[in-house]
Structure formats: structure tokens, C-alpha cells
Amino acid sequence: MSTEALQEQQKSWTQTPPATPPLRHIIAQVVEQQTWLDRLAQPFQKWVLQLFGQPGEPRRTIKDVLNGTWLGHALHPVFTDVPLGSWSGTMLFDLLWLVHEDEGVARGADTTLGLGLLGAIAAALTGVADWSDLYDTDLRVGFLHGLLNGSVALTYVASWLLRLTGRRRAGVAVSTAGYLTALFSAYLGGELVFAKGVGVNHVAFAPGSDAYVAVMDVDDLAEGKLTRVDVAGIPAVLLKQGSTIYAIAATCTHQGGPLDEGTLKAGGIVQCPWHGSCFHLRDGSVVNGPAVYAQPTFAVRVRKSTIELRRIDHA
């Protein structure tokens, strides 16, 4: 089998363009084939990650804030509504102004345009923080999404300057072009989230079991070692510390990394091997990002020397 055929065979379905509908297939295929973006995206990603530092370093806290770890919810989607909503208002005011050149309507358009630019700054900062953990076609699509959004922001700055200098009709034309581009870029952002699962909770649909499930003999569980077990089809990671056994989901909520292959840190904390997210094994809560969602936890009991687990509510 050729190298190209092997690489094609190893691709996941999220790395291939959808077959239907035709419009989505064409857009995805065209965007994902822009390999030239990698030459820009990869060095920029490396620089961003170096800027944020490694997990545990003080400056890494900035990335946690931008990811939304403190909020328990991704922060980028919160801010994306501000520029899109504001510039939708700008578009509406501009259309009204074209019908009747009212000064109050013009001020409304300028105000919403400025508000959108402020929101775009926050959306860009949080978006870069989330994007820095992507790879393969997700990295490429996300980078194009960011380039388009940056271009849109520049068109609105240009529109604002044209309006200030008395060339409002030209400003309206420029911002309209920017608005249409923003809608396409928003489509790409939606594709990343809803089709490729970027930024979603990767264990949200793991059902677990309402009954206790036997997973292993207690004598086979090594002290202080992360151990992977299967709980009715759901992977879990165990940690034994003295007479206490902790159990949380082994699939990282951030991007699905295997926590059982991670690093055990002081205080019963496990660090994901993929992007460095850390969780308390005692309750699944997030210590640091980029994860924002807590790990599902399991009730643990030992019966007749057998460890049994039952999924309970997450932290």
C-alpha cells in the first residue's frame, strides 16, 4: 500500500469533506485543501504556545482565562456574538439610512460599528487561545477563520474612517462587504464546533451505568499508578492512594486525550498528555485548562476483593 493510500486510510471522518449537501462539500473541500495555510499557521501556533508557556507556569494562567476554564464554559463563543450582533445592527441602520438619510440613524450605525470592533478584539484573543490547541485540518480551517475575521475587522475600521471623513456611502459599501465575509467566516467557525467537535465536551454523551460494574481485582491495582479500566463501555482511570480509590473518566473533556497515559502530579492531580489540562482525581474538577469542563466521576466500592464503579454526576 502506498504512503498516500495509507494516510488516506488513517484519516478520521472529521478530516474528510462531507459528501452532502453539495454546497457544504464544495466549501469544506476547497478550504481544507489550502495546504499553503500550514506554512503560516504552524509557525504562528508555535509562537502562541511559547507565549503562553507550559502548564504550571504563571503566564499559562492567561491562557486559562482566555479559554474560559474559570467560567466552566468556553469563552470564545460568548464574545463572538458581540461583533456579529453589533454589525447586524450596523447593517440594519445603514439600510435605513440609505432609504432616508437621518442623522440619528447614522449615529446608530456608527455606535454599533464601534461596539462590534471592541467585541472583535475580545473574540480574537479568546479564539487564538482555543485555536492554539488544534491540529491537522482543524488547524487549517481555524487559521483561515481567523484570517477572515481579522480582514473583516480591518474593513470595519476602514468603513469607520470613511464615515468620519464624510464619505458615508463608501463606508456603507465597505462594511457591507465585511459583513458578508463575516457570515462566511462564522460558517467556518460553526463547522469547527458542530461538525468537528472543537470546543465541545468530549464525554457529554458517555452514558455510564446506573448499576455498579465490576472492573478489576483490588489486589491488582498498584498503589499510586494511573490504571485504565472499562466501565460498561466507558473508559475510566483509577488511582489508589492508601485505602482510598479514585475514579474519573479516562477521556479528557477537552479533546479526548487518554488521561491514563497522562502524568500524575502531587495532590492527586492528573495531567492530560495531549494539551496539558489538569483534573482533580477526587472529584474530576478542572485545575487548569485548556479544558473548561469537569471530568465525569465514578462512585467506587470494593466487594469481595473486586472494585466496582458506578458513574455519578460530574463535579
C-alpha atoms as a PDB file:
ATOM      1  CA  MET A   1       0.000   0.000   0.000  1.00  0.00           C
ATOM      2  CA  SER A   2       1.368   3.430  -0.947  1.00  0.00           C
ATOM      3  CA  THR A   3       2.087   6.124   1.655  1.00  0.00           C
ATOM      4  CA  GLU A   4      -0.689   8.292   0.214  1.00  0.00           C
ATOM      5  CA  ALA A   5      -3.197   5.438   0.422  1.00  0.00           C
ATOM      6  CA  LEU A   6      -2.153   4.649   3.993  1.00  0.00           C
ATOM      7  CA  GLN A   7      -2.542   8.293   5.040  1.00  0.00           C
ATOM      8  CA  GLU A   8      -5.984   8.401   3.398  1.00  0.00           C
ATOM      9  CA  GLN A   9      -6.974   5.193   5.201  1.00  0.00           C
ATOM     10  CA  GLN A  10      -5.878   6.611   8.572  1.00  0.00           C
ATOM     11  CA  LYS A  11      -7.922   9.792   8.239  1.00  0.00           C
ATOM     12  CA  SER A  12     -10.902  10.153  10.518  1.00  0.00           C
ATOM     13  CA  TRP A  13     -14.261  11.108   9.039  1.00  0.00           C
ATOM     14  CA  THR A  14     -13.898  14.608  10.511  1.00  0.00           C
ATOM     15  CA  GLN A  15     -10.785  15.095   8.354  1.00  0.00           C
ATOM     16  CA  THR A  16     -12.615  14.469   5.079  1.00  0.00           C
ATOM     17  CA  PRO A  17     -15.102  16.800   3.343  1.00  0.00           C
ATOM     18  CA  PRO A  18     -18.777  15.867   3.815  1.00  0.00           C
ATOM     19  CA  ALA A  19     -20.456  14.302   0.765  1.00  0.00           C
ATOM     20  CA  THR A  20     -23.724  16.187   1.201  1.00  0.00           C
ATOM     21  CA  PRO A  21     -25.152  18.729   0.812  1.00  0.00           C
ATOM     22  CA  PRO A  22     -23.155  19.779  -2.305  1.00  0.00           C
ATOM     23  CA  LEU A  23     -22.562  23.353  -1.083  1.00  0.00           C
ATOM     24  CA  ARG A  24     -21.054  22.170   2.193  1.00  0.00           C
ATOM     25  CA  HIS A  25     -18.958  19.583   0.355  1.00  0.00           C
ATOM     26  CA  ILE A  26     -17.517  22.193  -2.018  1.00  0.00           C
ATOM     27  CA  ILE A  27     -16.769  24.707   0.742  1.00  0.00           C
ATOM     28  CA  ALA A  28     -15.143  22.108   3.011  1.00  0.00           C
ATOM     29  CA  GLN A  29     -13.130  20.585   0.185  1.00  0.00           C
ATOM     30  CA  VAL A  30     -11.828  23.921  -1.047  1.00  0.00           C
ATOM     31  CA  VAL A  31     -10.920  25.199   2.425  1.00  0.00           C
ATOM     32  CA  GLU A  32      -9.302  22.006   3.680  1.00  0.00           C
ATOM     33  CA  GLN A  33      -7.137  21.688   0.571  1.00  0.00           C
ATOM     34  CA  GLN A  34      -5.435  25.041   1.152  1.00  0.00           C
ATOM     35  CA  THR A  35      -2.189  23.453   2.353  1.00  0.00           C
ATOM     36  CA  TRP A  36      -0.341  26.749   1.952  1.00  0.00           C
ATOM     37  CA  LEU A  37      -2.091  27.849   5.135  1.00  0.00           C
ATOM     38  CA  ASP A  38       0.018  25.349   7.103  1.00  0.00           C
ATOM     39  CA  ARG A  39       3.183  27.308   6.320  1.00  0.00           C
ATOM     40  CA  LEU A  40       1.661  30.282   8.109  1.00  0.00           C
ATOM     41  CA  ALA A  41      -0.433  28.519  10.735  1.00  0.00           C
ATOM     42  CA  GLN A  42       2.159  26.162  12.206  1.00  0.00           C
ATOM     43  CA  PRO A  43       4.856  28.786  12.992  1.00  0.00           C
ATOM     44  CA  PHE A  44       2.203  31.124  14.402  1.00  0.00           C
ATOM     45  CA  GLN A  45       0.781  28.345  16.582  1.00  0.00           C
ATOM     46  CA  LYS A  46       4.258  27.533  17.877  1.00  0.00           C
ATOM     47  CA  TRP A  47       4.821  31.187  18.757  1.00  0.00           C
ATOM     48  CA  VAL A  48       1.467  31.445  20.548  1.00  0.00           C
ATOM     49  CA  LEU A  49       2.139  28.343  22.643  1.00  0.00           C
ATOM     50  CA  GLN A  50       5.582  29.646  23.575  1.00  0.00           C
ATOM     51  CA  LEU A  51       3.998  32.954  24.555  1.00  0.00           C
ATOM     52  CA  PHE A  52       1.538  31.232  26.900  1.00  0.00           C
ATOM     53  CA  GLY A  53       4.216  28.969  28.377  1.00  0.00           C
ATOM     54  CA  GLN A  54       3.947  25.450  29.735  1.00  0.00           C
ATOM     55  CA  PRO A  55       1.241  24.166  32.142  1.00  0.00           C
ATOM     56  CA  GLY A  56       2.163  25.227  35.657  1.00  0.00           C
ATOM     57  CA  GLU A  57       3.990  28.397  34.600  1.00  0.00           C
ATOM     58  CA  PRO A  58       2.463  31.685  35.863  1.00  0.00           C
ATOM     59  CA  ARG A  59       1.819  33.092  32.374  1.00  0.00           C
ATOM     60  CA  ARG A  60      -0.155  29.957  31.478  1.00  0.00           C
ATOM     61  CA  THR A  61      -2.901  31.418  33.668  1.00  0.00           C
ATOM     62  CA  ILE A  62      -3.574  33.931  30.906  1.00  0.00           C
ATOM     63  CA  LYS A  63      -4.458  31.081  28.545  1.00  0.00           C
ATOM     64  CA  ASP A  64      -6.731  29.527  31.188  1.00  0.00           C
ATOM     65  CA  VAL A  65      -8.571  32.833  31.490  1.00  0.00           C
ATOM     66  CA  LEU A  66      -8.970  33.145  27.715  1.00  0.00           C
ATOM     67  CA  ASN A  67     -10.072  29.510  27.344  1.00  0.00           C
ATOM     68  CA  GLY A  68     -12.781  30.062  29.982  1.00  0.00           C
ATOM     69  CA  THR A  69     -11.516  27.500  32.490  1.00  0.00           C
ATOM     70  CA  TRP A  70     -12.586  29.776  35.357  1.00  0.00           C
ATOM     71  CA  LEU A  71     -16.085  30.050  33.874  1.00  0.00           C
ATOM     72  CA  GLY A  72     -16.616  26.360  33.196  1.00  0.00           C
ATOM     73  CA  HIS A  73     -17.622  27.313  29.657  1.00  0.00           C
ATOM     74  CA  ALA A  74     -15.674  28.180  26.507  1.00  0.00           C
ATOM     75  CA  LEU A  75     -15.260  31.973  26.462  1.00  0.00           C
ATOM     76  CA  HIS A  76     -14.812  32.497  22.716  1.00  0.00           C
ATOM     77  CA  PRO A  77     -18.474  31.841  21.760  1.00  0.00           C
ATOM     78  CA  VAL A  78     -19.557  34.383  24.374  1.00  0.00           C
ATOM     79  CA  PHE A  79     -17.654  37.166  22.636  1.00  0.00           C
ATOM     80  CA  THR A  80     -18.348  36.192  19.026  1.00  0.00           C
ATOM     81  CA  ASP A  81     -21.961  37.243  19.499  1.00  0.00           C
ATOM     82  CA  VAL A  82     -20.881  40.828  20.183  1.00  0.00           C
ATOM     83  CA  PRO A  83     -19.347  41.732  16.781  1.00  0.00           C
ATOM     84  CA  LEU A  84     -21.851  39.696  14.773  1.00  0.00           C
ATOM     85  CA  GLY A  85     -24.808  41.116  16.665  1.00  0.00           C
ATOM     86  CA  SER A  86     -23.471  44.651  16.600  1.00  0.00           C
ATOM     87  CA  TRP A  87     -22.609  44.576  12.907  1.00  0.00           C
ATOM     88  CA  SER A  88     -26.026  43.145  12.121  1.00  0.00           C
ATOM     89  CA  GLY A  89     -27.357  46.288  13.777  1.00  0.00           C
ATOM     90  CA  THR A  90     -24.964  48.370  11.687  1.00  0.00           C
ATOM     91  CA  MET A  91     -26.264  46.712   8.535  1.00  0.00           C
ATOM     92  CA  LEU A  92     -29.858  47.424   9.527  1.00  0.00           C
ATOM     93  CA  PHE A  93     -29.149  51.076  10.385  1.00  0.00           C
ATOM     94  CA  ASP A  94     -27.238  51.523   7.122  1.00  0.00           C
ATOM     95  CA  LEU A  95     -30.142  50.184   5.085  1.00  0.00           C
ATOM     96  CA  LEU A  96     -32.495  52.574   6.876  1.00  0.00           C
ATOM     97  CA  TRP A  97     -30.069  55.454   6.292  1.00  0.00           C
ATOM     98  CA  LEU A  98     -29.905  54.673   2.548  1.00  0.00           C
ATOM     99  CA  VAL A  99     -33.694  54.989   2.411  1.00  0.00           C
ATOM    100  CA  HIS A 100     -33.792  58.178   4.490  1.00  0.00           C
ATOM    101  CA  GLU A 101     -30.570  59.986   5.411  1.00  0.00           C
ATOM    102  CA  ASP A 102     -31.433  60.608   9.043  1.00  0.00           C
ATOM    103  CA  GLU A 103     -28.650  61.784  11.371  1.00  0.00           C
ATOM    104  CA  GLY A 104     -29.920  59.734  14.307  1.00  0.00           C
ATOM    105  CA  VAL A 105     -29.916  56.562  12.224  1.00  0.00           C
ATOM    106  CA  ALA A 106     -26.357  57.353  11.094  1.00  0.00           C
ATOM    107  CA  ARG A 107     -25.232  57.707  14.723  1.00  0.00           C
ATOM    108  CA  GLY A 108     -26.855  54.356  15.498  1.00  0.00           C
ATOM    109  CA  ALA A 109     -24.871  52.712  12.697  1.00  0.00           C
ATOM    110  CA  ASP A 110     -21.616  54.254  13.901  1.00  0.00           C
ATOM    111  CA  THR A 111     -22.239  53.256  17.516  1.00  0.00           C
ATOM    112  CA  THR A 112     -22.949  49.608  16.704  1.00  0.00           C
ATOM    113  CA  LEU A 113     -19.956  49.531  14.360  1.00  0.00           C
ATOM    114  CA  GLY A 114     -17.646  50.688  17.169  1.00  0.00           C
ATOM    115  CA  LEU A 115     -19.165  48.254  19.653  1.00  0.00           C
ATOM    116  CA  GLY A 116     -18.561  45.448  17.177  1.00  0.00           C
ATOM    117  CA  LEU A 117     -14.889  46.366  16.874  1.00  0.00           C
ATOM    118  CA  LEU A 118     -14.470  46.219  20.650  1.00  0.00           C
ATOM    119  CA  GLY A 119     -16.152  42.825  20.749  1.00  0.00           C
ATOM    120  CA  ALA A 120     -13.965  41.628  17.881  1.00  0.00           C
ATOM    121  CA  ILE A 121     -10.828  42.227  19.957  1.00  0.00           C
ATOM    122  CA  ALA A 122     -12.114  40.004  22.775  1.00  0.00           C
ATOM    123  CA  ALA A 123     -13.306  37.374  20.284  1.00  0.00           C
ATOM    124  CA  ALA A 124      -9.903  37.351  18.590  1.00  0.00           C
ATOM    125  CA  LEU A 125      -7.932  36.891  21.819  1.00  0.00           C
ATOM    126  CA  THR A 126     -10.126  34.056  23.078  1.00  0.00           C
ATOM    127  CA  GLY A 127     -10.269  32.486  19.625  1.00  0.00           C
ATOM    128  CA  VAL A 128      -6.475  32.370  19.293  1.00  0.00           C
ATOM    129  CA  ALA A 129      -6.220  30.698  22.712  1.00  0.00           C
ATOM    130  CA  ASP A 130      -8.643  27.956  21.634  1.00  0.00           C
ATOM    131  CA  TRP A 131      -7.116  27.600  18.162  1.00  0.00           C
ATOM    132  CA  SER A 132      -3.598  27.085  19.532  1.00  0.00           C
ATOM    133  CA  ASP A 133      -4.532  23.526  20.621  1.00  0.00           C
ATOM    134  CA  LEU A 134      -5.787  22.372  17.200  1.00  0.00           C
ATOM    135  CA  TYR A 135      -4.012  20.246  14.597  1.00  0.00           C
ATOM    136  CA  ASP A 136      -4.349  18.846  11.052  1.00  0.00           C
ATOM    137  CA  THR A 137      -7.306  20.173   9.044  1.00  0.00           C
ATOM    138  CA  ASP A 138      -8.840  21.761  12.147  1.00  0.00           C
ATOM    139  CA  LEU A 139      -5.735  23.926  12.495  1.00  0.00           C
ATOM    140  CA  ARG A 140      -6.022  24.937   8.834  1.00  0.00           C
ATOM    141  CA  VAL A 141      -9.739  25.743   8.917  1.00  0.00           C
ATOM    142  CA  GLY A 142      -9.366  27.622  12.192  1.00  0.00           C
ATOM    143  CA  PHE A 143      -6.494  29.682  10.819  1.00  0.00           C
ATOM    144  CA  LEU A 144      -8.497  30.687   7.744  1.00  0.00           C
ATOM    145  CA  HIS A 145     -11.407  31.522  10.056  1.00  0.00           C
ATOM    146  CA  GLY A 146      -9.084  33.824  11.989  1.00  0.00           C
ATOM    147  CA  LEU A 147      -7.607  35.429   8.880  1.00  0.00           C
ATOM    148  CA  LEU A 148     -11.075  36.199   7.551  1.00  0.00           C
ATOM    149  CA  ASN A 149     -12.181  37.659  10.868  1.00  0.00           C
ATOM    150  CA  GLY A 150      -9.075  39.820  11.011  1.00  0.00           C
ATOM    151  CA  SER A 151      -9.780  41.053   7.498  1.00  0.00           C
ATOM    152  CA  VAL A 152     -13.372  41.791   8.455  1.00  0.00           C
ATOM    153  CA  ALA A 153     -12.231  43.874  11.421  1.00  0.00           C
ATOM    154  CA  LEU A 154      -9.946  45.877   9.123  1.00  0.00           C
ATOM    155  CA  THR A 155     -12.803  46.545   6.693  1.00  0.00           C
ATOM    156  CA  TYR A 156     -14.888  47.902   9.546  1.00  0.00           C
ATOM    157  CA  VAL A 157     -12.021  50.137  10.655  1.00  0.00           C
ATOM    158  CA  ALA A 158     -11.810  51.415   7.074  1.00  0.00           C
ATOM    159  CA  SER A 159     -15.572  51.910   7.000  1.00  0.00           C
ATOM    160  CA  TRP A 160     -15.435  53.851  10.267  1.00  0.00           C
ATOM    161  CA  LEU A 161     -12.729  56.166   8.865  1.00  0.00           C
ATOM    162  CA  LEU A 162     -14.725  56.749   5.676  1.00  0.00           C
ATOM    163  CA  ARG A 163     -17.791  57.648   7.726  1.00  0.00           C
ATOM    164  CA  LEU A 164     -15.775  60.059   9.859  1.00  0.00           C
ATOM    165  CA  THR A 165     -14.428  61.833   6.780  1.00  0.00           C
ATOM    166  CA  GLY A 166     -17.877  62.363   5.279  1.00  0.00           C
ATOM    167  CA  ARG A 167     -17.826  59.502   2.757  1.00  0.00           C
ATOM    168  CA  ARG A 168     -20.619  57.549   4.399  1.00  0.00           C
ATOM    169  CA  ARG A 169     -21.904  55.806   1.273  1.00  0.00           C
ATOM    170  CA  ALA A 170     -18.435  54.421   0.574  1.00  0.00           C
ATOM    171  CA  GLY A 171     -18.219  53.406   4.237  1.00  0.00           C
ATOM    172  CA  VAL A 172     -21.518  51.562   3.975  1.00  0.00           C
ATOM    173  CA  ALA A 173     -20.298  49.688   0.894  1.00  0.00           C
ATOM    174  CA  VAL A 174     -17.091  48.618   2.655  1.00  0.00           C
ATOM    175  CA  SER A 175     -18.845  47.474   5.829  1.00  0.00           C
ATOM    176  CA  THR A 176     -21.425  45.544   3.777  1.00  0.00           C
ATOM    177  CA  ALA A 177     -18.611  43.599   2.132  1.00  0.00           C
ATOM    178  CA  GLY A 178     -17.152  42.984   5.561  1.00  0.00           C
ATOM    179  CA  TYR A 179     -20.491  41.770   6.898  1.00  0.00           C
ATOM    180  CA  LEU A 180     -20.910  39.229   4.103  1.00  0.00           C
ATOM    181  CA  THR A 181     -17.376  37.960   4.725  1.00  0.00           C
ATOM    182  CA  ALA A 182     -18.124  37.716   8.443  1.00  0.00           C
ATOM    183  CA  LEU A 183     -21.121  35.483   7.717  1.00  0.00           C
ATOM    184  CA  PHE A 184     -18.948  33.086   5.719  1.00  0.00           C
ATOM    185  CA  SER A 185     -16.300  33.098   8.437  1.00  0.00           C
ATOM    186  CA  ALA A 186     -18.985  32.395  11.030  1.00  0.00           C
ATOM    187  CA  TYR A 187     -19.982  29.382   8.930  1.00  0.00           C
ATOM    188  CA  LEU A 188     -16.407  28.076   9.167  1.00  0.00           C
ATOM    189  CA  GLY A 189     -16.450  28.605  12.922  1.00  0.00           C
ATOM    190  CA  GLY A 190     -19.691  26.668  13.159  1.00  0.00           C
ATOM    191  CA  GLU A 191     -18.170  23.875  11.079  1.00  0.00           C
ATOM    192  CA  LEU A 192     -15.315  23.570  13.566  1.00  0.00           C
ATOM    193  CA  VAL A 193     -17.648  23.323  16.541  1.00  0.00           C
ATOM    194  CA  PHE A 194     -20.668  21.417  15.296  1.00  0.00           C
ATOM    195  CA  ALA A 195     -19.105  19.178  12.633  1.00  0.00           C
ATOM    196  CA  LYS A 196     -15.599  18.653  14.009  1.00  0.00           C
ATOM    197  CA  GLY A 197     -16.337  18.849  17.740  1.00  0.00           C
ATOM    198  CA  VAL A 198     -13.830  21.569  18.598  1.00  0.00           C
ATOM    199  CA  GLY A 199     -14.591  23.135  21.968  1.00  0.00           C
ATOM    200  CA  VAL A 200     -17.325  20.688  22.941  1.00  0.00           C
ATOM    201  CA  ASN A 201     -17.380  18.358  25.952  1.00  0.00           C
ATOM    202  CA  HIS A 202     -15.937  15.111  24.595  1.00  0.00           C
ATOM    203  CA  VAL A 203     -17.632  12.959  27.215  1.00  0.00           C
ATOM    204  CA  ALA A 204     -21.031  14.651  27.186  1.00  0.00           C
ATOM    205  CA  PHE A 205     -22.771  11.642  25.654  1.00  0.00           C
ATOM    206  CA  ALA A 206     -20.998   8.863  27.569  1.00  0.00           C
ATOM    207  CA  PRO A 207     -23.979   7.176  29.256  1.00  0.00           C
ATOM    208  CA  GLY A 208     -22.295   5.277  32.064  1.00  0.00           C
ATOM    209  CA  SER A 209     -24.148   2.734  34.164  1.00  0.00           C
ATOM    210  CA  ASP A 210     -26.823   3.151  36.831  1.00  0.00           C
ATOM    211  CA  ALA A 211     -25.602  -0.038  38.496  1.00  0.00           C
ATOM    212  CA  TYR A 212     -22.189  -0.895  39.910  1.00  0.00           C
ATOM    213  CA  VAL A 213     -19.906  -2.613  37.386  1.00  0.00           C
ATOM    214  CA  ALA A 214     -17.017  -4.883  38.384  1.00  0.00           C
ATOM    215  CA  VAL A 215     -13.794  -3.674  36.770  1.00  0.00           C
ATOM    216  CA  MET A 216     -10.819  -5.419  38.409  1.00  0.00           C
ATOM    217  CA  ASP A 217      -9.474  -7.184  41.477  1.00  0.00           C
ATOM    218  CA  VAL A 218      -8.397  -4.736  44.174  1.00  0.00           C
ATOM    219  CA  ASP A 219      -5.103  -6.604  44.668  1.00  0.00           C
ATOM    220  CA  ASP A 220      -4.198  -5.963  41.027  1.00  0.00           C
ATOM    221  CA  LEU A 221      -4.467  -2.177  41.388  1.00  0.00           C
ATOM    222  CA  ALA A 222      -0.997  -0.769  42.002  1.00  0.00           C
ATOM    223  CA  GLU A 223      -0.566   1.982  44.572  1.00  0.00           C
ATOM    224  CA  GLY A 224      -0.155   5.464  43.054  1.00  0.00           C
ATOM    225  CA  LYS A 225      -0.401   4.319  39.424  1.00  0.00           C
ATOM    226  CA  LEU A 226      -2.920   5.549  36.873  1.00  0.00           C
ATOM    227  CA  THR A 227      -4.819   2.491  35.673  1.00  0.00           C
ATOM    228  CA  ARG A 228      -7.333   2.318  32.827  1.00  0.00           C
ATOM    229  CA  VAL A 229     -10.434   0.144  33.162  1.00  0.00           C
ATOM    230  CA  ASP A 230     -13.645  -0.344  31.209  1.00  0.00           C
ATOM    231  CA  VAL A 231     -16.951   0.503  32.896  1.00  0.00           C
ATOM    232  CA  ALA A 232     -19.697  -0.942  30.704  1.00  0.00           C
ATOM    233  CA  GLY A 233     -18.058   0.526  27.606  1.00  0.00           C
ATOM    234  CA  ILE A 234     -16.902   3.767  29.257  1.00  0.00           C
ATOM    235  CA  PRO A 235     -13.142   4.116  29.895  1.00  0.00           C
ATOM    236  CA  ALA A 236     -12.185   5.221  33.394  1.00  0.00           C
ATOM    237  CA  VAL A 237      -8.870   5.880  35.109  1.00  0.00           C
ATOM    238  CA  LEU A 238      -8.273   4.620  38.661  1.00  0.00           C
ATOM    239  CA  LEU A 239      -5.857   5.832  41.308  1.00  0.00           C
ATOM    240  CA  LYS A 240      -5.240   4.068  44.597  1.00  0.00           C
ATOM    241  CA  GLN A 241      -3.871   6.134  47.463  1.00  0.00           C
ATOM    242  CA  GLY A 242      -3.758   4.200  50.688  1.00  0.00           C
ATOM    243  CA  SER A 243      -7.212   2.840  51.418  1.00  0.00           C
ATOM    244  CA  THR A 244      -8.902   5.279  49.011  1.00  0.00           C
ATOM    245  CA  ILE A 245      -9.581   4.619  45.343  1.00  0.00           C
ATOM    246  CA  TYR A 246     -10.479   7.461  42.984  1.00  0.00           C
ATOM    247  CA  ALA A 247     -12.098   7.049  39.562  1.00  0.00           C
ATOM    248  CA  ILE A 248     -12.851   9.590  36.825  1.00  0.00           C
ATOM    249  CA  ALA A 249     -13.494   9.302  33.090  1.00  0.00           C
ATOM    250  CA  ALA A 250     -10.310   8.474  31.183  1.00  0.00           C
ATOM    251  CA  THR A 251     -11.296  10.527  28.123  1.00  0.00           C
ATOM    252  CA  CYS A 252     -10.309  14.176  28.514  1.00  0.00           C
ATOM    253  CA  THR A 253     -13.271  16.515  28.123  1.00  0.00           C
ATOM    254  CA  HIS A 254     -11.146  18.948  26.102  1.00  0.00           C
ATOM    255  CA  GLN A 255     -10.072  16.979  23.023  1.00  0.00           C
ATOM    256  CA  GLY A 256     -10.499  13.352  24.069  1.00  0.00           C
ATOM    257  CA  GLY A 257      -6.942  12.682  25.261  1.00  0.00           C
ATOM    258  CA  PRO A 258      -6.255   9.473  27.290  1.00  0.00           C
ATOM    259  CA  LEU A 259      -5.797  10.569  30.906  1.00  0.00           C
ATOM    260  CA  ASP A 260      -4.486   7.125  31.901  1.00  0.00           C
ATOM    261  CA  GLU A 261      -1.435   7.911  29.739  1.00  0.00           C
ATOM    262  CA  GLY A 262      -1.023  11.275  31.437  1.00  0.00           C
ATOM    263  CA  THR A 263       1.144  12.426  34.318  1.00  0.00           C
ATOM    264  CA  LEU A 264       0.213  12.000  37.982  1.00  0.00           C
ATOM    265  CA  LYS A 265       1.035  15.142  39.928  1.00  0.00           C
ATOM    266  CA  ALA A 266       1.089  15.964  43.625  1.00  0.00           C
ATOM    267  CA  GLY A 267      -2.258  16.232  45.338  1.00  0.00           C
ATOM    268  CA  GLY A 268      -3.938  13.545  43.246  1.00  0.00           C
ATOM    269  CA  ILE A 269      -3.964  15.572  40.031  1.00  0.00           C
ATOM    270  CA  VAL A 270      -3.726  14.033  36.564  1.00  0.00           C
ATOM    271  CA  GLN A 271      -2.378  15.957  33.574  1.00  0.00           C
ATOM    272  CA  CYS A 272      -3.620  15.120  30.084  1.00  0.00           C
ATOM    273  CA  PRO A 273      -0.767  14.074  27.754  1.00  0.00           C
ATOM    274  CA  TRP A 274      -2.201  15.935  24.767  1.00  0.00           C
ATOM    275  CA  HIS A 275      -2.678  19.567  25.806  1.00  0.00           C
ATOM    276  CA  GLY A 276      -1.778  19.686  29.496  1.00  0.00           C
ATOM    277  CA  SER A 277      -5.235  20.030  31.060  1.00  0.00           C
ATOM    278  CA  CYS A 278      -5.195  19.004  34.732  1.00  0.00           C
ATOM    279  CA  PHE A 279      -8.008  17.482  36.802  1.00  0.00           C
ATOM    280  CA  HIS A 280      -8.511  16.505  40.445  1.00  0.00           C
ATOM    281  CA  LEU A 281      -8.962  12.747  40.634  1.00  0.00           C
ATOM    282  CA  ARG A 282     -11.067  13.116  43.775  1.00  0.00           C
ATOM    283  CA  ASP A 283     -13.931  14.912  42.004  1.00  0.00           C
ATOM    284  CA  GLY A 284     -12.987  15.480  38.349  1.00  0.00           C
ATOM    285  CA  SER A 285     -12.818  19.258  38.709  1.00  0.00           C
ATOM    286  CA  VAL A 286     -10.562  21.280  36.401  1.00  0.00           C
ATOM    287  CA  VAL A 287      -7.301  22.532  37.890  1.00  0.00           C
ATOM    288  CA  ASN A 288      -6.068  24.255  34.738  1.00  0.00           C
ATOM    289  CA  GLY A 289      -7.024  24.376  31.074  1.00  0.00           C
ATOM    290  CA  PRO A 290      -7.359  24.388  28.209  1.00  0.00           C
ATOM    291  CA  ALA A 291     -10.203  22.141  29.435  1.00  0.00           C
ATOM    292  CA  VAL A 292     -13.248  24.004  30.728  1.00  0.00           C
ATOM    293  CA  TYR A 293     -15.496  21.038  31.532  1.00  0.00           C
ATOM    294  CA  ALA A 294     -15.004  18.769  34.548  1.00  0.00           C
ATOM    295  CA  GLN A 295     -14.434  15.048  34.175  1.00  0.00           C
ATOM    296  CA  PRO A 296     -17.315  12.667  34.964  1.00  0.00           C
ATOM    297  CA  THR A 297     -16.635  10.764  38.192  1.00  0.00           C
ATOM    298  CA  PHE A 298     -17.494   7.305  39.473  1.00  0.00           C
ATOM    299  CA  ALA A 299     -18.682   6.014  42.815  1.00  0.00           C
ATOM    300  CA  VAL A 300     -16.239   3.348  43.982  1.00  0.00           C
ATOM    301  CA  ARG A 301     -16.835   0.357  46.207  1.00  0.00           C
ATOM    302  CA  VAL A 302     -14.973  -2.875  46.905  1.00  0.00           C
ATOM    303  CA  ARG A 303     -16.985  -6.074  47.270  1.00  0.00           C
ATOM    304  CA  LYS A 304     -15.357  -9.480  47.765  1.00  0.00           C
ATOM    305  CA  SER A 305     -11.980  -8.026  46.730  1.00  0.00           C
ATOM    306  CA  THR A 306     -13.447  -6.677  43.482  1.00  0.00           C
ATOM    307  CA  ILE A 307     -13.504  -2.970  42.582  1.00  0.00           C
ATOM    308  CA  GLU A 308     -16.889  -1.850  41.313  1.00  0.00           C
ATOM    309  CA  LEU A 309     -17.709   1.509  39.710  1.00  0.00           C
ATOM    310  CA  ARG A 310     -20.905   3.410  39.018  1.00  0.00           C
ATOM    311  CA  ARG A 311     -20.980   6.722  37.197  1.00  0.00           C
ATOM    312  CA  ILE A 312     -22.230   9.657  39.255  1.00  0.00           C
ATOM    313  CA  ASP A 313     -22.794  13.326  38.497  1.00  0.00           C
ATOM    314  CA  HIS A 314     -19.688  15.201  37.431  1.00  0.00           C
ATOM    315  CA  ALA A 315     -18.133  17.940  39.550  1.00  0.00           C
END
